[in-house]
Amino acid sequence: MVSPDVLIPRPETEQLIDLVLSLYGKAYLPGVKSSERRIPEKPVIFDIGTGSGCIAITLKLEIPGAEVVALDISPEALKIAQKNAENLGAEVEFFESDLLSVKEDTRSDNEIAVPNRAIVVANLPYVDPDWDWLDKKALSVEPGLALYAKDGGLALYERLFYELPKTVEFVIIEADPCQHEKIVKLAEQSGFEHEKTAGFAMQFRRRKLAY
């Protein structure tokens, strides 16, 4: 279920899901050979900027043993995501937050405990409103809050990599391919190495975890 408060899920986001499933050692298509599992059997996954909840809910249903926490700055989006989780039987925790800073009246403090080897997935706003190929009329049915970002569309990813705690092992994000080179540099400056790209999705691993 979607509304004008959330993005309409797009095929590109499926590639982000595929990367997480590959890390878990789970084949994402019938007939595709599974890979070695590289994340815990019961991983903790943070979906930052959950929107409709499609990423968080899908990962919880695909990896039932995972603890999935979904975060969004929009309370209206969270209502949609929570309803989708209820309808699909996915046990996901939802919090109103600005990236990983939780709104104070939604829990006892405004810090989220991010355990060691945590995984972060994020499809943050990355569209530069000045891109000349945009069909802004077609995008007008979706919230600008979930689409557009400053600094060439990279402002929120700049913050994300800077703010991630050292306990995060893997980060998987979605962004336009024209931004990928700059995002690799952002990630490297924050101690992450680029491991893989699949379409719009990118996978990073921290070079040294804070054990």
N, C-alpha and C. Protein backbone atom coordinates (compact mmCIF):
# COMPACT_ATOMS: atom_id res chain seq x y z
N MET A 1 0.84 -1.18 0.00
CA MET A 1 0.00 0.00 0.00
C MET A 1 0.89 1.24 0.00
N VAL A 2 0.54 2.20 -0.85
CA VAL A 2 1.25 3.47 -0.88
C VAL A 2 0.25 4.61 -0.78
N SER A 3 0.79 5.80 -0.58
CA SER A 3 -0.02 7.01 -0.51
C SER A 3 0.85 8.16 -1.01
N PRO A 4 0.32 9.37 -1.11
CA PRO A 4 1.17 10.50 -1.50
C PRO A 4 2.27 10.82 -0.49
N ASP A 5 2.29 10.13 0.66
CA ASP A 5 3.32 10.36 1.68
C ASP A 5 4.54 9.48 1.51
N VAL A 6 4.50 8.55 0.55
CA VAL A 6 5.64 7.62 0.37
C VAL A 6 5.94 7.46 -1.11
N LEU A 7 7.18 7.01 -1.39
CA LEU A 7 7.55 6.70 -2.77
C LEU A 7 6.83 5.45 -3.25
N ILE A 8 6.61 5.39 -4.55
CA ILE A 8 6.12 4.17 -5.17
C ILE A 8 7.32 3.24 -5.35
N PRO A 9 7.29 2.01 -4.82
CA PRO A 9 8.46 1.12 -4.97
C PRO A 9 8.80 0.89 -6.44
N ARG A 10 10.11 0.87 -6.70
CA ARG A 10 10.61 0.73 -8.06
C ARG A 10 11.45 -0.54 -8.20
N PRO A 11 11.56 -1.06 -9.42
CA PRO A 11 12.35 -2.29 -9.63
C PRO A 11 13.80 -2.15 -9.17
N GLU A 12 14.36 -0.94 -9.25
CA GLU A 12 15.76 -0.77 -8.86
C GLU A 12 16.02 -1.19 -7.42
N THR A 13 15.02 -1.03 -6.57
CA THR A 13 15.20 -1.34 -5.15
C THR A 13 15.31 -2.84 -4.92
N GLU A 14 14.80 -3.64 -5.84
CA GLU A 14 14.94 -5.09 -5.70
C GLU A 14 16.41 -5.50 -5.69
N GLN A 15 17.25 -4.72 -6.38
CA GLN A 15 18.68 -5.05 -6.43
C GLN A 15 19.31 -4.89 -5.04
N LEU A 16 18.82 -3.95 -4.27
CA LEU A 16 19.30 -3.78 -2.89
C LEU A 16 18.97 -5.02 -2.07
N ILE A 17 17.73 -5.51 -2.22
CA ILE A 17 17.31 -6.73 -1.52
C ILE A 17 18.20 -7.90 -1.92
N ASP A 18 18.48 -8.02 -3.23
CA ASP A 18 19.31 -9.13 -3.71
C ASP A 18 20.69 -9.13 -3.05
N LEU A 19 21.28 -7.95 -2.86
CA LEU A 19 22.60 -7.88 -2.25
C LEU A 19 22.56 -8.36 -0.80
N VAL A 20 21.52 -7.99 -0.07
CA VAL A 20 21.41 -8.45 1.32
C VAL A 20 21.23 -9.96 1.37
N LEU A 21 20.38 -10.50 0.51
CA LEU A 21 20.16 -11.94 0.49
C LEU A 21 21.43 -12.69 0.13
N SER A 22 22.22 -12.11 -0.76
CA SER A 22 23.50 -12.73 -1.12
C SER A 22 24.43 -12.77 0.08
N LEU A 23 24.46 -11.69 0.87
CA LEU A 23 25.28 -11.67 2.09
C LEU A 23 24.82 -12.75 3.06
N TYR A 24 23.54 -13.03 3.07
CA TYR A 24 23.00 -14.04 3.97
C TYR A 24 23.22 -15.46 3.43
N GLY A 25 23.73 -15.57 2.22
CA GLY A 25 23.94 -16.89 1.63
C GLY A 25 22.68 -17.48 1.07
N LYS A 26 21.75 -16.62 0.69
CA LYS A 26 20.46 -17.09 0.19
C LYS A 26 20.33 -16.70 -1.27
N ALA A 27 20.03 -17.68 -2.12
CA ALA A 27 19.85 -17.39 -3.53
C ALA A 27 18.62 -16.52 -3.71
N TYR A 28 18.73 -15.47 -4.52
CA TYR A 28 17.62 -14.56 -4.69
C TYR A 28 16.70 -14.95 -5.83
N LEU A 29 17.08 -15.97 -6.63
CA LEU A 29 16.22 -16.48 -7.69
C LEU A 29 16.35 -18.00 -7.74
N PRO A 30 15.27 -18.71 -8.07
CA PRO A 30 15.38 -20.16 -8.26
C PRO A 30 16.41 -20.48 -9.34
N GLY A 31 17.25 -21.46 -9.06
CA GLY A 31 18.26 -21.85 -10.03
C GLY A 31 19.56 -21.08 -9.95
N VAL A 32 19.60 -20.07 -9.07
CA VAL A 32 20.82 -19.29 -8.87
C VAL A 32 21.58 -19.88 -7.68
N LYS A 33 22.86 -20.15 -7.87
CA LYS A 33 23.66 -20.75 -6.81
C LYS A 33 23.80 -19.78 -5.64
N SER A 34 23.59 -20.27 -4.42
CA SER A 34 23.73 -19.42 -3.24
C SER A 34 25.21 -19.23 -2.92
N SER A 35 25.50 -18.14 -2.23
CA SER A 35 26.87 -17.83 -1.85
C SER A 35 27.08 -18.14 -0.36
N GLU A 36 28.30 -18.02 0.09
CA GLU A 36 28.61 -18.26 1.50
C GLU A 36 28.02 -17.14 2.35
N ARG A 37 27.43 -17.50 3.50
CA ARG A 37 26.85 -16.49 4.38
C ARG A 37 27.96 -15.69 5.04
N ARG A 38 27.84 -14.35 4.97
CA ARG A 38 28.86 -13.45 5.52
C ARG A 38 28.34 -12.60 6.67
N ILE A 39 27.09 -12.73 7.01
CA ILE A 39 26.51 -11.97 8.11
C ILE A 39 25.94 -12.95 9.12
N PRO A 40 25.66 -12.51 10.36
CA PRO A 40 25.18 -13.44 11.39
C PRO A 40 23.91 -14.18 10.98
N GLU A 41 23.71 -15.34 11.59
CA GLU A 41 22.52 -16.14 11.30
C GLU A 41 21.25 -15.36 11.65
N LYS A 42 21.34 -14.55 12.72
CA LYS A 42 20.22 -13.70 13.10
C LYS A 42 20.70 -12.24 13.05
N PRO A 43 20.78 -11.70 11.87
CA PRO A 43 21.36 -10.35 11.72
C PRO A 43 20.44 -9.26 12.25
N VAL A 44 21.05 -8.13 12.60
CA VAL A 44 20.29 -6.93 12.96
C VAL A 44 20.41 -5.97 11.79
N ILE A 45 19.27 -5.62 11.22
CA ILE A 45 19.23 -4.80 10.02
C ILE A 45 18.47 -3.51 10.30
N PHE A 46 19.09 -2.38 9.96
CA PHE A 46 18.45 -1.07 10.08
C PHE A 46 18.11 -0.57 8.68
N ASP A 47 16.84 -0.29 8.46
CA ASP A 47 16.40 0.28 7.19
C ASP A 47 16.14 1.76 7.42
N ILE A 48 17.05 2.59 6.93
CA ILE A 48 16.98 4.03 7.19
C ILE A 48 16.28 4.73 6.03
N GLY A 49 15.21 5.43 6.34
CA GLY A 49 14.37 6.04 5.30
C GLY A 49 13.43 5.01 4.71
N THR A 50 12.68 4.34 5.58
CA THR A 50 11.91 3.16 5.17
C THR A 50 10.76 3.46 4.23
N GLY A 51 10.18 4.67 4.29
CA GLY A 51 9.08 4.98 3.39
C GLY A 51 7.90 4.05 3.57
N SER A 52 7.51 3.35 2.53
CA SER A 52 6.38 2.41 2.60
C SER A 52 6.70 1.16 3.39
N GLY A 53 7.98 0.98 3.74
CA GLY A 53 8.39 -0.21 4.47
C GLY A 53 8.75 -1.38 3.57
N CYS A 54 8.77 -1.18 2.26
CA CYS A 54 8.94 -2.32 1.36
C CYS A 54 10.27 -3.05 1.57
N ILE A 55 11.34 -2.32 1.89
CA ILE A 55 12.63 -2.97 2.10
C ILE A 55 12.64 -3.73 3.42
N ALA A 56 12.27 -3.05 4.49
CA ALA A 56 12.30 -3.67 5.82
C ALA A 56 11.40 -4.90 5.87
N ILE A 57 10.20 -4.78 5.34
CA ILE A 57 9.24 -5.89 5.39
C ILE A 57 9.73 -7.06 4.56
N THR A 58 10.24 -6.78 3.36
CA THR A 58 10.74 -7.86 2.51
C THR A 58 11.89 -8.60 3.18
N LEU A 59 12.83 -7.85 3.79
CA LEU A 59 13.97 -8.50 4.43
C LEU A 59 13.53 -9.35 5.63
N LYS A 60 12.56 -8.86 6.39
CA LYS A 60 12.07 -9.65 7.53
C LYS A 60 11.41 -10.94 7.06
N LEU A 61 10.65 -10.87 5.98
CA LEU A 61 9.98 -12.06 5.48
C LEU A 61 10.95 -13.02 4.81
N GLU A 62 11.99 -12.50 4.18
CA GLU A 62 13.00 -13.34 3.53
C GLU A 62 13.97 -13.94 4.55
N ILE A 63 14.24 -13.20 5.64
CA ILE A 63 15.17 -13.66 6.68
C ILE A 63 14.42 -13.59 8.01
N PRO A 64 13.55 -14.57 8.31
CA PRO A 64 12.68 -14.48 9.49
C PRO A 64 13.41 -14.31 10.81
N GLY A 65 14.66 -14.80 10.89
CA GLY A 65 15.40 -14.68 12.14
C GLY A 65 16.03 -13.32 12.35
N ALA A 66 15.94 -12.45 11.37
CA ALA A 66 16.56 -11.12 11.48
C ALA A 66 15.75 -10.22 12.42
N GLU A 67 16.46 -9.33 13.11
CA GLU A 67 15.82 -8.24 13.82
C GLU A 67 15.88 -7.03 12.91
N VAL A 68 14.73 -6.53 12.51
CA VAL A 68 14.68 -5.44 11.53
C VAL A 68 14.09 -4.20 12.19
N VAL A 69 14.83 -3.10 12.10
CA VAL A 69 14.41 -1.82 12.65
C VAL A 69 14.27 -0.85 11.47
N ALA A 70 13.10 -0.24 11.34
CA ALA A 70 12.82 0.67 10.24
C ALA A 70 12.67 2.09 10.76
N LEU A 71 13.33 3.03 10.11
CA LEU A 71 13.38 4.41 10.57
C LEU A 71 12.96 5.35 9.45
N ASP A 72 12.25 6.41 9.80
CA ASP A 72 11.90 7.43 8.82
C ASP A 72 11.63 8.74 9.52
N ILE A 73 11.92 9.83 8.84
CA ILE A 73 11.69 11.16 9.41
C ILE A 73 10.22 11.57 9.32
N SER A 74 9.47 10.89 8.47
CA SER A 74 8.08 11.25 8.22
C SER A 74 7.12 10.38 9.02
N PRO A 75 6.36 10.95 9.96
CA PRO A 75 5.38 10.15 10.70
C PRO A 75 4.28 9.61 9.80
N GLU A 76 3.95 10.35 8.74
CA GLU A 76 2.92 9.88 7.81
C GLU A 76 3.39 8.64 7.06
N ALA A 77 4.67 8.63 6.66
CA ALA A 77 5.22 7.46 5.99
C ALA A 77 5.23 6.26 6.93
N LEU A 78 5.59 6.50 8.18
CA LEU A 78 5.65 5.39 9.14
C LEU A 78 4.28 4.74 9.34
N LYS A 79 3.23 5.52 9.29
CA LYS A 79 1.88 4.94 9.42
C LYS A 79 1.60 3.97 8.27
N ILE A 80 2.00 4.35 7.07
CA ILE A 80 1.83 3.47 5.92
C ILE A 80 2.68 2.21 6.09
N ALA A 81 3.93 2.39 6.50
CA ALA A 81 4.84 1.24 6.66
C ALA A 81 4.32 0.28 7.73
N GLN A 82 3.85 0.82 8.84
CA GLN A 82 3.33 -0.04 9.91
C GLN A 82 2.11 -0.82 9.44
N LYS A 83 1.24 -0.17 8.68
CA LYS A 83 0.06 -0.86 8.16
C LYS A 83 0.47 -1.97 7.21
N ASN A 84 1.46 -1.70 6.35
CA ASN A 84 1.94 -2.73 5.43
C ASN A 84 2.54 -3.91 6.18
N ALA A 85 3.29 -3.64 7.25
CA ALA A 85 3.89 -4.71 8.04
C ALA A 85 2.80 -5.57 8.69
N GLU A 86 1.78 -4.93 9.21
CA GLU A 86 0.66 -5.67 9.81
C GLU A 86 -0.05 -6.54 8.77
N ASN A 87 -0.31 -5.96 7.60
CA ASN A 87 -1.02 -6.69 6.56
C ASN A 87 -0.23 -7.90 6.06
N LEU A 88 1.11 -7.79 6.08
CA LEU A 88 1.95 -8.85 5.53
C LEU A 88 2.56 -9.74 6.61
N GLY A 89 2.22 -9.49 7.87
CA GLY A 89 2.69 -10.35 8.95
C GLY A 89 4.17 -10.27 9.21
N ALA A 90 4.74 -9.08 9.08
CA ALA A 90 6.18 -8.90 9.31
C ALA A 90 6.41 -8.16 10.62
N GLU A 91 7.18 -8.75 11.52
CA GLU A 91 7.49 -8.12 12.81
C GLU A 91 8.69 -7.20 12.65
N VAL A 92 8.39 -5.93 12.43
CA VAL A 92 9.41 -4.91 12.24
C VAL A 92 9.18 -3.81 13.27
N GLU A 93 10.28 -3.31 13.86
CA GLU A 93 10.17 -2.16 14.78
C GLU A 93 10.27 -0.87 13.97
N PHE A 94 9.40 0.08 14.29
CA PHE A 94 9.39 1.36 13.57
C PHE A 94 9.64 2.51 14.52
N PHE A 95 10.49 3.47 14.08
CA PHE A 95 10.78 4.66 14.87
C PHE A 95 10.85 5.88 13.97
N GLU A 96 10.33 6.99 14.47
CA GLU A 96 10.49 8.26 13.78
C GLU A 96 11.88 8.79 14.09
N SER A 97 12.64 9.11 13.06
CA SER A 97 14.03 9.52 13.29
C SER A 97 14.55 10.35 12.14
N ASP A 98 15.62 11.05 12.42
CA ASP A 98 16.40 11.75 11.41
C ASP A 98 17.67 10.92 11.23
N LEU A 99 17.71 10.10 10.19
CA LEU A 99 18.72 9.05 10.05
C LEU A 99 18.70 8.17 11.29
N LEU A 100 19.78 8.13 12.09
CA LEU A 100 19.79 7.27 13.28
C LEU A 100 19.46 8.02 14.58
N SER A 101 19.07 9.28 14.47
CA SER A 101 18.68 10.05 15.66
C SER A 101 17.18 9.98 15.83
N VAL A 102 16.73 9.23 16.83
CA VAL A 102 15.31 8.97 17.03
C VAL A 102 14.65 10.14 17.73
N LYS A 103 13.43 10.47 17.29
CA LYS A 103 12.66 11.52 17.95
C LYS A 103 12.45 11.15 19.41
N GLU A 104 12.74 12.08 20.32
CA GLU A 104 12.82 11.77 21.75
C GLU A 104 11.55 11.20 22.33
N ASP A 105 10.38 11.64 21.86
CA ASP A 105 9.16 11.15 22.49
C ASP A 105 8.70 9.80 21.96
N THR A 106 9.53 9.16 21.12
CA THR A 106 9.16 7.83 20.63
C THR A 106 9.90 6.72 21.37
N ARG A 107 10.87 7.07 22.23
CA ARG A 107 11.53 6.08 23.08
C ARG A 107 12.20 6.82 24.22
N SER A 108 12.77 6.10 25.17
CA SER A 108 13.27 6.71 26.40
C SER A 108 14.47 7.62 26.18
N ASP A 109 15.22 7.42 25.11
CA ASP A 109 16.33 8.32 24.79
C ASP A 109 16.37 8.49 23.28
N ASN A 110 17.26 9.32 22.81
CA ASN A 110 17.28 9.57 21.36
C ASN A 110 18.44 8.88 20.66
N GLU A 111 18.98 7.85 21.29
CA GLU A 111 20.04 7.07 20.68
C GLU A 111 19.55 5.66 20.39
N ILE A 112 19.92 5.14 19.26
CA ILE A 112 19.62 3.74 18.94
C ILE A 112 20.88 2.93 19.18
N ALA A 113 20.74 1.86 19.93
CA ALA A 113 21.88 0.98 20.16
C ALA A 113 22.11 0.15 18.90
N VAL A 114 23.25 0.33 18.28
CA VAL A 114 23.58 -0.38 17.05
C VAL A 114 24.60 -1.46 17.40
N PRO A 115 24.20 -2.72 17.42
CA PRO A 115 25.11 -3.77 17.86
C PRO A 115 26.21 -4.04 16.86
N ASN A 116 27.22 -4.75 17.31
CA ASN A 116 28.32 -5.10 16.44
C ASN A 116 27.85 -5.96 15.28
N ARG A 117 28.41 -5.74 14.13
CA ARG A 117 28.11 -6.45 12.88
C ARG A 117 26.72 -6.11 12.35
N ALA A 118 26.18 -4.97 12.74
CA ALA A 118 24.89 -4.55 12.21
C ALA A 118 24.98 -4.25 10.72
N ILE A 119 23.84 -4.37 10.06
CA ILE A 119 23.74 -4.06 8.63
C ILE A 119 22.81 -2.86 8.47
N VAL A 120 23.22 -1.92 7.66
CA VAL A 120 22.39 -0.75 7.35
C VAL A 120 22.02 -0.80 5.89
N VAL A 121 20.73 -0.68 5.61
CA VAL A 121 20.26 -0.52 4.24
C VAL A 121 19.57 0.84 4.16
N ALA A 122 19.71 1.50 3.03
CA ALA A 122 19.15 2.84 2.92
C ALA A 122 18.85 3.19 1.47
N ASN A 123 17.62 3.60 1.25
CA ASN A 123 17.24 4.20 -0.02
C ASN A 123 16.81 5.63 0.31
N LEU A 124 17.80 6.46 0.57
CA LEU A 124 17.55 7.84 0.98
C LEU A 124 17.23 8.72 -0.23
N PRO A 125 16.65 9.90 0.00
CA PRO A 125 16.47 10.84 -1.12
C PRO A 125 17.82 11.13 -1.78
N TYR A 126 17.89 10.92 -3.10
CA TYR A 126 19.16 11.16 -3.79
C TYR A 126 18.99 11.89 -5.11
N VAL A 127 17.78 12.33 -5.40
CA VAL A 127 17.53 12.99 -6.68
C VAL A 127 17.95 14.46 -6.60
N ASP A 128 18.75 14.88 -7.55
CA ASP A 128 19.11 16.29 -7.69
C ASP A 128 18.02 16.97 -8.51
N PRO A 129 17.31 17.94 -7.94
CA PRO A 129 16.21 18.56 -8.68
C PRO A 129 16.65 19.28 -9.95
N ASP A 130 17.96 19.48 -10.12
CA ASP A 130 18.48 20.17 -11.30
C ASP A 130 18.85 19.23 -12.44
N TRP A 131 18.71 17.91 -12.23
CA TRP A 131 18.99 16.98 -13.34
C TRP A 131 18.07 17.30 -14.51
N ASP A 132 18.63 17.45 -15.69
CA ASP A 132 17.80 17.88 -16.83
C ASP A 132 16.97 16.75 -17.42
N TRP A 133 17.20 15.51 -17.01
CA TRP A 133 16.41 14.39 -17.56
C TRP A 133 15.18 14.05 -16.71
N LEU A 134 14.99 14.79 -15.61
CA LEU A 134 13.86 14.49 -14.72
C LEU A 134 12.53 14.86 -15.36
N ASP A 135 11.55 14.01 -15.13
CA ASP A 135 10.16 14.32 -15.47
C ASP A 135 9.47 14.72 -14.16
N LYS A 136 9.58 15.98 -13.82
CA LYS A 136 9.08 16.44 -12.53
C LYS A 136 7.56 16.32 -12.42
N LYS A 137 6.88 16.39 -13.55
CA LYS A 137 5.43 16.23 -13.52
C LYS A 137 5.07 14.81 -13.08
N ALA A 138 5.78 13.82 -13.61
CA ALA A 138 5.52 12.42 -13.23
C ALA A 138 5.86 12.18 -11.76
N LEU A 139 6.87 12.89 -11.26
CA LEU A 139 7.28 12.71 -9.87
C LEU A 139 6.43 13.51 -8.90
N SER A 140 5.56 14.36 -9.40
CA SER A 140 4.80 15.27 -8.53
C SER A 140 3.80 14.53 -7.64
N VAL A 141 3.48 13.27 -7.96
CA VAL A 141 2.54 12.51 -7.13
C VAL A 141 3.23 11.90 -5.91
N GLU A 142 4.56 12.06 -5.82
CA GLU A 142 5.31 11.50 -4.70
C GLU A 142 5.91 12.63 -3.87
N PRO A 143 6.21 12.36 -2.59
CA PRO A 143 6.68 13.43 -1.70
C PRO A 143 8.10 13.89 -2.02
N GLY A 144 8.27 15.20 -2.17
CA GLY A 144 9.60 15.74 -2.41
C GLY A 144 10.56 15.40 -1.29
N LEU A 145 10.04 15.28 -0.07
CA LEU A 145 10.87 14.94 1.09
C LEU A 145 11.59 13.62 0.89
N ALA A 146 10.96 12.69 0.16
CA ALA A 146 11.54 11.36 -0.06
C ALA A 146 12.34 11.26 -1.35
N LEU A 147 12.30 12.32 -2.16
CA LEU A 147 12.97 12.28 -3.46
C LEU A 147 14.25 13.09 -3.51
N TYR A 148 14.16 14.35 -3.09
CA TYR A 148 15.21 15.33 -3.40
C TYR A 148 16.17 15.56 -2.24
N ALA A 149 17.42 15.79 -2.61
CA ALA A 149 18.45 16.11 -1.63
C ALA A 149 19.39 17.15 -2.22
N LYS A 150 20.01 17.93 -1.35
CA LYS A 150 20.94 18.97 -1.78
C LYS A 150 22.30 18.36 -2.16
N ASP A 151 23.22 19.23 -2.54
CA ASP A 151 24.60 18.83 -2.89
C ASP A 151 24.62 17.75 -3.96
N GLY A 152 23.90 18.03 -5.05
CA GLY A 152 23.87 17.06 -6.14
C GLY A 152 23.14 15.78 -5.79
N GLY A 153 22.26 15.84 -4.80
CA GLY A 153 21.51 14.67 -4.35
C GLY A 153 22.22 13.84 -3.30
N LEU A 154 23.40 14.28 -2.87
CA LEU A 154 24.23 13.44 -1.99
C LEU A 154 24.25 13.90 -0.53
N ALA A 155 23.52 14.95 -0.18
CA ALA A 155 23.62 15.51 1.17
C ALA A 155 23.33 14.50 2.26
N LEU A 156 22.31 13.68 2.07
CA LEU A 156 21.95 12.73 3.13
C LEU A 156 22.91 11.56 3.19
N TYR A 157 23.43 11.13 2.06
CA TYR A 157 24.42 10.06 2.10
C TYR A 157 25.74 10.55 2.72
N GLU A 158 26.07 11.80 2.51
CA GLU A 158 27.25 12.38 3.18
C GLU A 158 27.08 12.28 4.69
N ARG A 159 25.90 12.67 5.18
CA ARG A 159 25.63 12.58 6.61
C ARG A 159 25.62 11.14 7.10
N LEU A 160 24.98 10.27 6.34
CA LEU A 160 24.85 8.88 6.76
C LEU A 160 26.21 8.25 7.01
N PHE A 161 27.10 8.32 6.04
CA PHE A 161 28.41 7.69 6.22
C PHE A 161 29.19 8.33 7.35
N TYR A 162 29.04 9.63 7.52
CA TYR A 162 29.75 10.32 8.59
C TYR A 162 29.23 9.90 9.97
N GLU A 163 27.93 9.66 10.09
CA GLU A 163 27.30 9.40 11.38
C GLU A 163 27.23 7.93 11.75
N LEU A 164 27.49 7.03 10.83
CA LEU A 164 27.34 5.60 11.15
C LEU A 164 28.30 5.19 12.26
N PRO A 165 27.79 4.49 13.27
CA PRO A 165 28.67 4.00 14.34
C PRO A 165 29.63 2.94 13.81
N LYS A 166 30.73 2.77 14.52
CA LYS A 166 31.77 1.86 14.06
C LYS A 166 31.38 0.39 14.21
N THR A 167 30.21 0.12 14.76
CA THR A 167 29.74 -1.26 14.88
C THR A 167 29.04 -1.75 13.62
N VAL A 168 28.76 -0.85 12.68
CA VAL A 168 28.11 -1.25 11.43
C VAL A 168 29.13 -1.92 10.52
N GLU A 169 28.80 -3.14 10.07
CA GLU A 169 29.73 -3.87 9.21
C GLU A 169 29.44 -3.64 7.73
N PHE A 170 28.19 -3.80 7.33
CA PHE A 170 27.82 -3.65 5.92
C PHE A 170 26.83 -2.50 5.75
N VAL A 171 26.97 -1.77 4.67
CA VAL A 171 26.03 -0.73 4.27
C VAL A 171 25.65 -0.99 2.82
N ILE A 172 24.36 -1.05 2.57
CA ILE A 172 23.87 -1.26 1.21
C ILE A 172 22.89 -0.15 0.90
N ILE A 173 23.16 0.59 -0.15
CA ILE A 173 22.36 1.77 -0.46
C ILE A 173 21.89 1.73 -1.91
N GLU A 174 20.94 2.62 -2.19
CA GLU A 174 20.51 2.84 -3.57
C GLU A 174 20.81 4.28 -3.95
N ALA A 175 21.32 4.47 -5.17
CA ALA A 175 21.59 5.82 -5.69
C ALA A 175 21.69 5.73 -7.20
N ASP A 176 21.58 6.87 -7.85
CA ASP A 176 21.68 6.89 -9.30
C ASP A 176 23.13 6.56 -9.71
N PRO A 177 23.30 5.76 -10.77
CA PRO A 177 24.66 5.41 -11.20
C PRO A 177 25.57 6.60 -11.44
N CYS A 178 25.03 7.76 -11.82
CA CYS A 178 25.87 8.93 -12.04
C CYS A 178 26.49 9.44 -10.75
N GLN A 179 26.00 8.97 -9.59
CA GLN A 179 26.52 9.40 -8.30
C GLN A 179 27.49 8.40 -7.67
N HIS A 180 27.60 7.22 -8.27
CA HIS A 180 28.31 6.13 -7.61
C HIS A 180 29.77 6.45 -7.32
N GLU A 181 30.45 7.07 -8.26
CA GLU A 181 31.87 7.36 -8.06
C GLU A 181 32.08 8.25 -6.83
N LYS A 182 31.24 9.28 -6.69
CA LYS A 182 31.36 10.17 -5.54
C LYS A 182 31.01 9.45 -4.25
N ILE A 183 30.02 8.56 -4.30
CA ILE A 183 29.62 7.84 -3.09
C ILE A 183 30.73 6.90 -2.63
N VAL A 184 31.43 6.28 -3.56
CA VAL A 184 32.56 5.42 -3.19
C VAL A 184 33.59 6.23 -2.41
N LYS A 185 33.86 7.44 -2.85
CA LYS A 185 34.83 8.29 -2.15
C LYS A 185 34.32 8.69 -0.77
N LEU A 186 33.02 9.01 -0.67
CA LEU A 186 32.43 9.33 0.63
C LEU A 186 32.59 8.17 1.60
N ALA A 187 32.28 6.97 1.11
CA ALA A 187 32.35 5.78 1.95
C ALA A 187 33.79 5.52 2.39
N GLU A 188 34.74 5.66 1.48
CA GLU A 188 36.13 5.42 1.83
C GLU A 188 36.61 6.37 2.91
N GLN A 189 36.17 7.62 2.85
CA GLN A 189 36.56 8.61 3.86
C GLN A 189 36.01 8.24 5.24
N SER A 190 34.96 7.42 5.29
CA SER A 190 34.36 7.01 6.56
C SER A 190 34.76 5.60 6.97
N GLY A 191 35.74 5.03 6.26
CA GLY A 191 36.26 3.72 6.66
C GLY A 191 35.58 2.53 6.03
N PHE A 192 34.84 2.74 4.94
CA PHE A 192 34.18 1.63 4.24
C PHE A 192 34.83 1.41 2.89
N GLU A 193 34.87 0.15 2.46
CA GLU A 193 35.34 -0.16 1.12
C GLU A 193 34.18 -0.64 0.26
N HIS A 194 34.22 -0.26 -0.99
CA HIS A 194 33.18 -0.66 -1.94
C HIS A 194 33.44 -2.09 -2.38
N GLU A 195 32.42 -2.94 -2.23
CA GLU A 195 32.58 -4.34 -2.61
C GLU A 195 31.85 -4.71 -3.90
N LYS A 196 30.69 -4.12 -4.12
CA LYS A 196 29.88 -4.59 -5.24
C LYS A 196 28.86 -3.53 -5.64
N THR A 197 28.54 -3.50 -6.91
CA THR A 197 27.45 -2.67 -7.42
C THR A 197 26.54 -3.55 -8.26
N ALA A 198 25.23 -3.40 -8.06
CA ALA A 198 24.24 -4.12 -8.85
C ALA A 198 23.19 -3.11 -9.29
N GLY A 199 23.35 -2.60 -10.50
CA GLY A 199 22.41 -1.58 -10.97
C GLY A 199 22.53 -0.31 -10.15
N PHE A 200 21.45 0.05 -9.47
CA PHE A 200 21.43 1.24 -8.63
C PHE A 200 21.96 0.96 -7.23
N ALA A 201 22.09 -0.31 -6.84
CA ALA A 201 22.46 -0.68 -5.48
C ALA A 201 23.97 -0.83 -5.33
N MET A 202 24.48 -0.41 -4.16
CA MET A 202 25.90 -0.48 -3.87
C MET A 202 26.12 -1.12 -2.50
N GLN A 203 27.13 -1.95 -2.41
CA GLN A 203 27.45 -2.65 -1.16
C GLN A 203 28.82 -2.23 -0.66
N PHE A 204 28.88 -1.87 0.63
CA PHE A 204 30.12 -1.45 1.28
C PHE A 204 30.33 -2.26 2.55
N ARG A 205 31.61 -2.45 2.89
CA ARG A 205 31.96 -3.13 4.14
C ARG A 205 32.98 -2.30 4.90
N ARG A 206 32.79 -2.20 6.21
CA ARG A 206 33.75 -1.45 7.01
C ARG A 206 35.09 -2.19 7.05
N ARG A 207 36.15 -1.42 6.91
CA ARG A 207 37.47 -2.03 6.87
C ARG A 207 37.86 -2.65 8.22
N LYS A 208 37.48 -2.00 9.30
CA LYS A 208 37.84 -2.50 10.62
C LYS A 208 36.69 -2.24 11.59
N LEU A 209 36.12 -3.32 12.12
CA LEU A 209 35.01 -3.18 13.05
C LEU A 209 35.51 -2.83 14.44
N ALA A 210 34.64 -2.17 15.22
CA ALA A 210 34.99 -1.81 16.60
C ALA A 210 34.58 -2.94 17.53
N TYR A 211 35.39 -3.99 17.57
CA TYR A 211 35.07 -5.12 18.45
C TYR A 211 35.35 -4.73 19.89
